[in-house]
Amino acid sequence: VSGDVGQGTELDGLEEKAKATGASKL
């Protein structure tokens, strides 16, 4: 779970990375 409180580009590509390292969903 990523809470977007204004991180901007830090959220780019997050879902792909989370699932690639073992998360079932983001």
mmCIF file of all heavy atoms, coordinates in Angstrom:
data_MODEL
# 
_entry.id   MODEL 
# 
loop_
_atom_site.group_PDB 
_atom_site.id 
_atom_site.type_symbol 
_atom_site.label_atom_id 
_atom_site.label_alt_id 
_atom_site.label_comp_id 
_atom_site.label_asym_id 
_atom_site.label_entity_id 
_atom_site.label_seq_id 
_atom_site.pdbx_PDB_ins_code 
_atom_site.Cartn_x 
_atom_site.Cartn_y 
_atom_site.Cartn_z 
_atom_site.occupancy 
_atom_site.B_iso_or_equiv 
_atom_site.pdbx_formal_charge 
_atom_site.auth_seq_id 
_atom_site.auth_comp_id 
_atom_site.auth_asym_id 
_atom_site.auth_atom_id 
_atom_site.pdbx_PDB_model_num 
ATOM 1   N N   . VAL A 1 1  ? 0.852  -1.189  0.000   1.00 0.00 ? 1  VAL A N   1 
ATOM 2   C CA  . VAL A 1 1  ? 0.000  0.000   0.000   1.00 0.00 ? 1  VAL A CA  1 
ATOM 3   C C   . VAL A 1 1  ? 0.888  1.239   0.000   1.00 0.00 ? 1  VAL A C   1 
ATOM 4   O O   . VAL A 1 1  ? 1.734  1.413   0.880   1.00 0.00 ? 1  VAL A O   1 
ATOM 5   C CB  . VAL A 1 1  ? -0.931 0.039   1.226   1.00 0.00 ? 1  VAL A CB  1 
ATOM 6   C CG1 . VAL A 1 1  ? -1.766 1.324   1.212   1.00 0.00 ? 1  VAL A CG1 1 
ATOM 7   C CG2 . VAL A 1 1  ? -1.833 -1.179  1.259   1.00 0.00 ? 1  VAL A CG2 1 
ATOM 8   N N   . SER A 1 2  ? 0.705  2.072   -0.996  1.00 0.00 ? 2  SER A N   1 
ATOM 9   C CA  . SER A 1 2  ? 1.447  3.327   -1.074  1.00 0.00 ? 2  SER A CA  1 
ATOM 10  C C   . SER A 1 2  ? 0.470  4.490   -0.951  1.00 0.00 ? 2  SER A C   1 
ATOM 11  O O   . SER A 1 2  ? -0.454 4.628   -1.755  1.00 0.00 ? 2  SER A O   1 
ATOM 12  C CB  . SER A 1 2  ? 2.210  3.425   -2.395  1.00 0.00 ? 2  SER A CB  1 
ATOM 13  O OG  . SER A 1 2  ? 2.920  4.642   -2.465  1.00 0.00 ? 2  SER A OG  1 
ATOM 14  N N   . GLY A 1 3  ? 0.659  5.294   0.060   1.00 0.00 ? 3  GLY A N   1 
ATOM 15  C CA  . GLY A 1 3  ? -0.173 6.477   0.241   1.00 0.00 ? 3  GLY A CA  1 
ATOM 16  C C   . GLY A 1 3  ? 0.462  7.656   -0.465  1.00 0.00 ? 3  GLY A C   1 
ATOM 17  O O   . GLY A 1 3  ? 1.576  8.073   -0.124  1.00 0.00 ? 3  GLY A O   1 
ATOM 18  N N   . ASP A 1 4  ? -0.217 8.197   -1.459  1.00 0.00 ? 4  ASP A N   1 
ATOM 19  C CA  . ASP A 1 4  ? 0.313  9.328   -2.221  1.00 0.00 ? 4  ASP A CA  1 
ATOM 20  C C   . ASP A 1 4  ? 0.024  10.621  -1.462  1.00 0.00 ? 4  ASP A C   1 
ATOM 21  O O   . ASP A 1 4  ? -1.083 11.148  -1.490  1.00 0.00 ? 4  ASP A O   1 
ATOM 22  C CB  . ASP A 1 4  ? -0.325 9.373   -3.611  1.00 0.00 ? 4  ASP A CB  1 
ATOM 23  C CG  . ASP A 1 4  ? 0.201  10.534  -4.459  1.00 0.00 ? 4  ASP A CG  1 
ATOM 24  O OD1 . ASP A 1 4  ? 1.108  11.256  -3.991  1.00 0.00 ? 4  ASP A OD1 1 
ATOM 25  O OD2 . ASP A 1 4  ? -0.306 10.719  -5.580  1.00 0.00 ? 4  ASP A OD2 1 
ATOM 26  N N   . VAL A 1 5  ? 1.053  11.100  -0.757  1.00 0.00 ? 5  VAL A N   1 
ATOM 27  C CA  . VAL A 1 5  ? 0.940  12.378  -0.062  1.00 0.00 ? 5  VAL A CA  1 
ATOM 28  C C   . VAL A 1 5  ? 1.800  13.438  -0.756  1.00 0.00 ? 5  VAL A C   1 
ATOM 29  O O   . VAL A 1 5  ? 2.226  14.411  -0.135  1.00 0.00 ? 5  VAL A O   1 
ATOM 30  C CB  . VAL A 1 5  ? 1.339  12.243  1.427   1.00 0.00 ? 5  VAL A CB  1 
ATOM 31  C CG1 . VAL A 1 5  ? 0.261  11.515  2.211   1.00 0.00 ? 5  VAL A CG1 1 
ATOM 32  C CG2 . VAL A 1 5  ? 2.687  11.531  1.575   1.00 0.00 ? 5  VAL A CG2 1 
ATOM 33  N N   . GLY A 1 6  ? 2.031  13.208  -2.059  1.00 0.00 ? 6  GLY A N   1 
ATOM 34  C CA  . GLY A 1 6  ? 2.747  14.206  -2.847  1.00 0.00 ? 6  GLY A CA  1 
ATOM 35  C C   . GLY A 1 6  ? 4.183  13.852  -3.147  1.00 0.00 ? 6  GLY A C   1 
ATOM 36  O O   . GLY A 1 6  ? 5.013  14.741  -3.363  1.00 0.00 ? 6  GLY A O   1 
ATOM 37  N N   . GLN A 1 7  ? 4.501  12.556  -3.214  1.00 0.00 ? 7  GLN A N   1 
ATOM 38  C CA  . GLN A 1 7  ? 5.874  12.147  -3.520  1.00 0.00 ? 7  GLN A CA  1 
ATOM 39  C C   . GLN A 1 7  ? 6.258  12.403  -4.969  1.00 0.00 ? 7  GLN A C   1 
ATOM 40  O O   . GLN A 1 7  ? 7.429  12.378  -5.320  1.00 0.00 ? 7  GLN A O   1 
ATOM 41  C CB  . GLN A 1 7  ? 6.066  10.651  -3.225  1.00 0.00 ? 7  GLN A CB  1 
ATOM 42  C CG  . GLN A 1 7  ? 5.834  10.244  -1.790  1.00 0.00 ? 7  GLN A CG  1 
ATOM 43  C CD  . GLN A 1 7  ? 4.418  9.763   -1.548  1.00 0.00 ? 7  GLN A CD  1 
ATOM 44  O OE1 . GLN A 1 7  ? 3.456  10.421  -1.944  1.00 0.00 ? 7  GLN A OE1 1 
ATOM 45  N NE2 . GLN A 1 7  ? 4.275  8.626   -0.896  1.00 0.00 ? 7  GLN A NE2 1 
ATOM 46  N N   . GLY A 1 8  ? 5.273  12.598  -5.845  1.00 0.00 ? 8  GLY A N   1 
ATOM 47  C CA  . GLY A 1 8  ? 5.561  12.895  -7.247  1.00 0.00 ? 8  GLY A CA  1 
ATOM 48  C C   . GLY A 1 8  ? 6.110  11.702  -7.990  1.00 0.00 ? 8  GLY A C   1 
ATOM 49  O O   . GLY A 1 8  ? 5.561  10.597  -7.935  1.00 0.00 ? 8  GLY A O   1 
ATOM 50  N N   . THR A 1 9  ? 7.245  11.878  -8.658  1.00 0.00 ? 9  THR A N   1 
ATOM 51  C CA  . THR A 1 9  ? 7.803  10.833  -9.525  1.00 0.00 ? 9  THR A CA  1 
ATOM 52  C C   . THR A 1 9  ? 8.288  9.619   -8.747  1.00 0.00 ? 9  THR A C   1 
ATOM 53  O O   . THR A 1 9  ? 8.588  8.585   -9.351  1.00 0.00 ? 9  THR A O   1 
ATOM 54  C CB  . THR A 1 9  ? 8.974  11.392  -10.358 1.00 0.00 ? 9  THR A CB  1 
ATOM 55  O OG1 . THR A 1 9  ? 9.968  11.928  -9.466  1.00 0.00 ? 9  THR A OG1 1 
ATOM 56  C CG2 . THR A 1 9  ? 8.494  12.497  -11.289 1.00 0.00 ? 9  THR A CG2 1 
ATOM 57  N N   . GLU A 1 10 ? 8.381  9.720   -7.415  1.00 0.00 ? 10 GLU A N   1 
ATOM 58  C CA  . GLU A 1 10 ? 8.797  8.562   -6.624  1.00 0.00 ? 10 GLU A CA  1 
ATOM 59  C C   . GLU A 1 10 ? 7.817  7.399   -6.786  1.00 0.00 ? 10 GLU A C   1 
ATOM 60  O O   . GLU A 1 10 ? 8.148  6.250   -6.512  1.00 0.00 ? 10 GLU A O   1 
ATOM 61  C CB  . GLU A 1 10 ? 8.925  8.937   -5.146  1.00 0.00 ? 10 GLU A CB  1 
ATOM 62  C CG  . GLU A 1 10 ? 10.096 9.845   -4.837  1.00 0.00 ? 10 GLU A CG  1 
ATOM 63  C CD  . GLU A 1 10 ? 10.241 10.117  -3.354  1.00 0.00 ? 10 GLU A CD  1 
ATOM 64  O OE1 . GLU A 1 10 ? 9.526  9.465   -2.565  1.00 0.00 ? 10 GLU A OE1 1 
ATOM 65  O OE2 . GLU A 1 10 ? 11.064 10.968  -2.974  1.00 0.00 ? 10 GLU A OE2 1 
ATOM 66  N N   . LEU A 1 11 ? 6.594  7.696   -7.230  1.00 0.00 ? 11 LEU A N   1 
ATOM 67  C CA  . LEU A 1 11 ? 5.579  6.656   -7.393  1.00 0.00 ? 11 LEU A CA  1 
ATOM 68  C C   . LEU A 1 11 ? 5.640  5.986   -8.761  1.00 0.00 ? 11 LEU A C   1 
ATOM 69  O O   . LEU A 1 11 ? 4.979  4.970   -8.976  1.00 0.00 ? 11 LEU A O   1 
ATOM 70  C CB  . LEU A 1 11 ? 4.183  7.263   -7.175  1.00 0.00 ? 11 LEU A CB  1 
ATOM 71  C CG  . LEU A 1 11 ? 3.905  7.855   -5.782  1.00 0.00 ? 11 LEU A CG  1 
ATOM 72  C CD1 . LEU A 1 11 ? 2.567  8.577   -5.775  1.00 0.00 ? 11 LEU A CD1 1 
ATOM 73  C CD2 . LEU A 1 11 ? 3.926  6.771   -4.725  1.00 0.00 ? 11 LEU A CD2 1 
ATOM 74  N N   . ASP A 1 12 ? 6.445  6.540   -9.668  1.00 0.00 ? 12 ASP A N   1 
ATOM 75  C CA  . ASP A 1 12 ? 6.524  5.978   -11.025 1.00 0.00 ? 12 ASP A CA  1 
ATOM 76  C C   . ASP A 1 12 ? 7.080  4.555   -10.989 1.00 0.00 ? 12 ASP A C   1 
ATOM 77  O O   . ASP A 1 12 ? 8.103  4.282   -10.351 1.00 0.00 ? 12 ASP A O   1 
ATOM 78  C CB  . ASP A 1 12 ? 7.410  6.848   -11.916 1.00 0.00 ? 12 ASP A CB  1 
ATOM 79  C CG  . ASP A 1 12 ? 6.808  8.225   -12.182 1.00 0.00 ? 12 ASP A CG  1 
ATOM 80  O OD1 . ASP A 1 12 ? 5.623  8.408   -11.865 1.00 0.00 ? 12 ASP A OD1 1 
ATOM 81  O OD2 . ASP A 1 12 ? 7.530  9.109   -12.688 1.00 0.00 ? 12 ASP A OD2 1 
ATOM 82  N N   . GLY A 1 13 ? 6.407  3.639   -11.692 1.00 0.00 ? 13 GLY A N   1 
ATOM 83  C CA  . GLY A 1 13 ? 6.877  2.260   -11.791 1.00 0.00 ? 13 GLY A CA  1 
ATOM 84  C C   . GLY A 1 13 ? 6.734  1.446   -10.529 1.00 0.00 ? 13 GLY A C   1 
ATOM 85  O O   . GLY A 1 13 ? 7.288  0.344   -10.414 1.00 0.00 ? 13 GLY A O   1 
ATOM 86  N N   . LEU A 1 14 ? 5.961  1.950   -9.577  1.00 0.00 ? 14 LEU A N   1 
ATOM 87  C CA  . LEU A 1 14 ? 5.877  1.303   -8.268  1.00 0.00 ? 14 LEU A CA  1 
ATOM 88  C C   . LEU A 1 14 ? 5.174  -0.054  -8.325  1.00 0.00 ? 14 LEU A C   1 
ATOM 89  O O   . LEU A 1 14 ? 5.615  -1.019  -7.691  1.00 0.00 ? 14 LEU A O   1 
ATOM 90  C CB  . LEU A 1 14 ? 5.142  2.229   -7.298  1.00 0.00 ? 14 LEU A CB  1 
ATOM 91  C CG  . LEU A 1 14 ? 5.646  2.257   -5.851  1.00 0.00 ? 14 LEU A CG  1 
ATOM 92  C CD1 . LEU A 1 14 ? 7.123  2.571   -5.792  1.00 0.00 ? 14 LEU A CD1 1 
ATOM 93  C CD2 . LEU A 1 14 ? 4.857  3.269   -5.037  1.00 0.00 ? 14 LEU A CD2 1 
ATOM 94  N N   . GLU A 1 15 ? 4.085  -0.142  -9.100  1.00 0.00 ? 15 GLU A N   1 
ATOM 95  C CA  . GLU A 1 15 ? 3.333  -1.400  -9.144  1.00 0.00 ? 15 GLU A CA  1 
ATOM 96  C C   . GLU A 1 15 ? 4.178  -2.517  -9.732  1.00 0.00 ? 15 GLU A C   1 
ATOM 97  O O   . GLU A 1 15 ? 4.220  -3.643  -9.194  1.00 0.00 ? 15 GLU A O   1 
ATOM 98  C CB  . GLU A 1 15 ? 2.044  -1.222  -9.961  1.00 0.00 ? 15 GLU A CB  1 
ATOM 99  C CG  . GLU A 1 15 ? 1.198  -2.492  -10.003 1.00 0.00 ? 15 GLU A CG  1 
ATOM 100 C CD  . GLU A 1 15 ? -0.144 -2.286  -10.677 1.00 0.00 ? 15 GLU A CD  1 
ATOM 101 O OE1 . GLU A 1 15 ? -0.339 -1.225  -11.305 1.00 0.00 ? 15 GLU A OE1 1 
ATOM 102 O OE2 . GLU A 1 15 ? -1.005 -3.183  -10.563 1.00 0.00 ? 15 GLU A OE2 1 
ATOM 103 N N   . GLU A 1 16 ? 4.863  -2.228  -10.828 1.00 0.00 ? 16 GLU A N   1 
ATOM 104 C CA  . GLU A 1 16 ? 5.711  -3.235  -11.467 1.00 0.00 ? 16 GLU A CA  1 
ATOM 105 C C   . GLU A 1 16 ? 6.795  -3.715  -10.506 1.00 0.00 ? 16 GLU A C   1 
ATOM 106 O O   . GLU A 1 16 ? 7.079  -4.919  -10.399 1.00 0.00 ? 16 GLU A O   1 
ATOM 107 C CB  . GLU A 1 16 ? 6.349  -2.639  -12.727 1.00 0.00 ? 16 GLU A CB  1 
ATOM 108 C CG  . GLU A 1 16 ? 7.253  -3.609  -13.472 1.00 0.00 ? 16 GLU A CG  1 
ATOM 109 C CD  . GLU A 1 16 ? 7.911  -2.965  -14.681 1.00 0.00 ? 16 GLU A CD  1 
ATOM 110 O OE1 . GLU A 1 16 ? 7.585  -1.795  -14.981 1.00 0.00 ? 16 GLU A OE1 1 
ATOM 111 O OE2 . GLU A 1 16 ? 8.753  -3.628  -15.316 1.00 0.00 ? 16 GLU A OE2 1 
ATOM 112 N N   . LYS A 1 17 ? 7.394  -2.766  -9.784  1.00 0.00 ? 17 LYS A N   1 
ATOM 113 C CA  . LYS A 1 17 ? 8.467  -3.116  -8.863  1.00 0.00 ? 17 LYS A CA  1 
ATOM 114 C C   . LYS A 1 17 ? 7.944  -3.943  -7.694  1.00 0.00 ? 17 LYS A C   1 
ATOM 115 O O   . LYS A 1 17 ? 8.566  -4.933  -7.292  1.00 0.00 ? 17 LYS A O   1 
ATOM 116 C CB  . LYS A 1 17 ? 9.135  -1.842  -8.343  1.00 0.00 ? 17 LYS A CB  1 
ATOM 117 C CG  . LYS A 1 17 ? 10.313 -2.099  -7.424  1.00 0.00 ? 17 LYS A CG  1 
ATOM 118 C CD  . LYS A 1 17 ? 10.986 -0.800  -7.022  1.00 0.00 ? 17 LYS A CD  1 
ATOM 119 C CE  . LYS A 1 17 ? 12.184 -1.071  -6.134  1.00 0.00 ? 17 LYS A CE  1 
ATOM 120 N NZ  . LYS A 1 17 ? 12.884 0.164   -5.730  1.00 0.00 ? 17 LYS A NZ  1 
ATOM 121 N N   . ALA A 1 18 ? 6.787  -3.538  -7.144  1.00 0.00 ? 18 ALA A N   1 
ATOM 122 C CA  . ALA A 1 18 ? 6.225  -4.262  -5.999  1.00 0.00 ? 18 ALA A CA  1 
ATOM 123 C C   . ALA A 1 18 ? 5.912  -5.707  -6.369  1.00 0.00 ? 18 ALA A C   1 
ATOM 124 O O   . ALA A 1 18 ? 6.240  -6.644  -5.620  1.00 0.00 ? 18 ALA A O   1 
ATOM 125 C CB  . ALA A 1 18 ? 4.980  -3.553  -5.499  1.00 0.00 ? 18 ALA A CB  1 
ATOM 126 N N   . LYS A 1 19 ? 5.279  -5.911  -7.507  1.00 0.00 ? 19 LYS A N   1 
ATOM 127 C CA  . LYS A 1 19 ? 4.913  -7.262  -7.925  1.00 0.00 ? 19 LYS A CA  1 
ATOM 128 C C   . LYS A 1 19 ? 6.145  -8.086  -8.292  1.00 0.00 ? 19 LYS A C   1 
ATOM 129 O O   . LYS A 1 19 ? 6.197  -9.295  -8.033  1.00 0.00 ? 19 LYS A O   1 
ATOM 130 C CB  . LYS A 1 19 ? 3.935  -7.196  -9.088  1.00 0.00 ? 19 LYS A CB  1 
ATOM 131 C CG  . LYS A 1 19 ? 2.546  -6.690  -8.692  1.00 0.00 ? 19 LYS A CG  1 
ATOM 132 C CD  . LYS A 1 19 ? 1.582  -6.702  -9.866  1.00 0.00 ? 19 LYS A CD  1 
ATOM 133 C CE  . LYS A 1 19 ? 0.176  -6.278  -9.438  1.00 0.00 ? 19 LYS A CE  1 
ATOM 134 N NZ  . LYS A 1 19 ? -0.768 -6.283  -10.578 1.00 0.00 ? 19 LYS A NZ  1 
ATOM 135 N N   . ALA A 1 20 ? 7.151  -7.428  -8.868  1.00 0.00 ? 20 ALA A N   1 
ATOM 136 C CA  . ALA A 1 20 ? 8.369  -8.145  -9.252  1.00 0.00 ? 20 ALA A CA  1 
ATOM 137 C C   . ALA A 1 20 ? 9.127  -8.670  -8.047  1.00 0.00 ? 20 ALA A C   1 
ATOM 138 O O   . ALA A 1 20 ? 9.838  -9.681  -8.139  1.00 0.00 ? 20 ALA A O   1 
ATOM 139 C CB  . ALA A 1 20 ? 9.278  -7.225  -10.070 1.00 0.00 ? 20 ALA A CB  1 
ATOM 140 N N   . THR A 1 21 ? 8.968  -8.003  -6.910  1.00 0.00 ? 21 THR A N   1 
ATOM 141 C CA  . THR A 1 21 ? 9.669  -8.451  -5.707  1.00 0.00 ? 21 THR A CA  1 
ATOM 142 C C   . THR A 1 21 ? 8.805  -9.327  -4.812  1.00 0.00 ? 21 THR A C   1 
ATOM 143 O O   . THR A 1 21 ? 9.241  -9.725  -3.736  1.00 0.00 ? 21 THR A O   1 
ATOM 144 C CB  . THR A 1 21 ? 10.186 -7.245  -4.897  1.00 0.00 ? 21 THR A CB  1 
ATOM 145 O OG1 . THR A 1 21 ? 9.121  -6.304  -4.686  1.00 0.00 ? 21 THR A OG1 1 
ATOM 146 C CG2 . THR A 1 21 ? 11.317 -6.550  -5.628  1.00 0.00 ? 21 THR A CG2 1 
ATOM 147 N N   . GLY A 1 22 ? 7.547  -9.623  -5.257  1.00 0.00 ? 22 GLY A N   1 
ATOM 148 C CA  . GLY A 1 22 ? 6.760  -10.609 -4.532  1.00 0.00 ? 22 GLY A CA  1 
ATOM 149 C C   . GLY A 1 22 ? 5.412  -10.181 -4.008  1.00 0.00 ? 22 GLY A C   1 
ATOM 150 O O   . GLY A 1 22 ? 4.681  -10.995 -3.436  1.00 0.00 ? 22 GLY A O   1 
ATOM 151 N N   . ALA A 1 23 ? 5.029  -8.925  -4.180  1.00 0.00 ? 23 ALA A N   1 
ATOM 152 C CA  . ALA A 1 23 ? 3.722  -8.487  -3.700  1.00 0.00 ? 23 ALA A CA  1 
ATOM 153 C C   . ALA A 1 23 ? 2.616  -9.030  -4.600  1.00 0.00 ? 23 ALA A C   1 
ATOM 154 O O   . ALA A 1 23 ? 2.791  -9.160  -5.810  1.00 0.00 ? 23 ALA A O   1 
ATOM 155 C CB  . ALA A 1 23 ? 3.651  -6.961  -3.663  1.00 0.00 ? 23 ALA A CB  1 
ATOM 156 N N   . SER A 1 24 ? 1.456  -9.350  -4.012  1.00 0.00 ? 24 SER A N   1 
ATOM 157 C CA  . SER A 1 24 ? 0.334  -9.850  -4.804  1.00 0.00 ? 24 SER A CA  1 
ATOM 158 C C   . SER A 1 24 ? -0.406 -8.720  -5.499  1.00 0.00 ? 24 SER A C   1 
ATOM 159 O O   . SER A 1 24 ? -0.993 -8.905  -6.559  1.00 0.00 ? 24 SER A O   1 
ATOM 160 C CB  . SER A 1 24 ? -0.636 -10.627 -3.906  1.00 0.00 ? 24 SER A CB  1 
ATOM 161 O OG  . SER A 1 24 ? -1.202 -9.767  -2.917  1.00 0.00 ? 24 SER A OG  1 
ATOM 162 N N   . LYS A 1 25 ? -0.366 -7.547  -4.887  1.00 0.00 ? 25 LYS A N   1 
ATOM 163 C CA  . LYS A 1 25 ? -1.026 -6.379  -5.484  1.00 0.00 ? 25 LYS A CA  1 
ATOM 164 C C   . LYS A 1 25 ? -0.473 -5.122  -4.840  1.00 0.00 ? 25 LYS A C   1 
ATOM 165 O O   . LYS A 1 25 ? 0.194  -5.166  -3.799  1.00 0.00 ? 25 LYS A O   1 
ATOM 166 C CB  . LYS A 1 25 ? -2.545 -6.451  -5.308  1.00 0.00 ? 25 LYS A CB  1 
ATOM 167 C CG  . LYS A 1 25 ? -3.031 -6.340  -3.871  1.00 0.00 ? 25 LYS A CG  1 
ATOM 168 C CD  . LYS A 1 25 ? -4.558 -6.283  -3.760  1.00 0.00 ? 25 LYS A CD  1 
ATOM 169 C CE  . LYS A 1 25 ? -5.183 -7.639  -3.996  1.00 0.00 ? 25 LYS A CE  1 
ATOM 170 N NZ  . LYS A 1 25 ? -6.644 -7.622  -3.652  1.00 0.00 ? 25 LYS A NZ  1 
ATOM 171 N N   . LEU A 1 26 ? -0.768 -3.983  -5.458  1.00 0.00 ? 26 LEU A N   1 
ATOM 172 C CA  . LEU A 1 26 ? -0.368 -2.689  -4.916  1.00 0.00 ? 26 LEU A CA  1 
ATOM 173 C C   . LEU A 1 26 ? -1.547 -1.732  -4.961  1.00 0.00 ? 26 LEU A C   1 
ATOM 174 O O   . LEU A 1 26 ? -2.177 -1.561  -6.006  1.00 0.00 ? 26 LEU A O   1 
ATOM 175 C CB  . LEU A 1 26 ? 0.794  -2.083  -5.707  1.00 0.00 ? 26 LEU A CB  1 
ATOM 176 C CG  . LEU A 1 26 ? 1.145  -0.614  -5.368  1.00 0.00 ? 26 LEU A CG  1 
ATOM 177 C CD1 . LEU A 1 26 ? 1.778  -0.524  -3.986  1.00 0.00 ? 26 LEU A CD1 1 
ATOM 178 C CD2 . LEU A 1 26 ? 2.069  -0.003  -6.424  1.00 0.00 ? 26 LEU A CD2 1 
# 
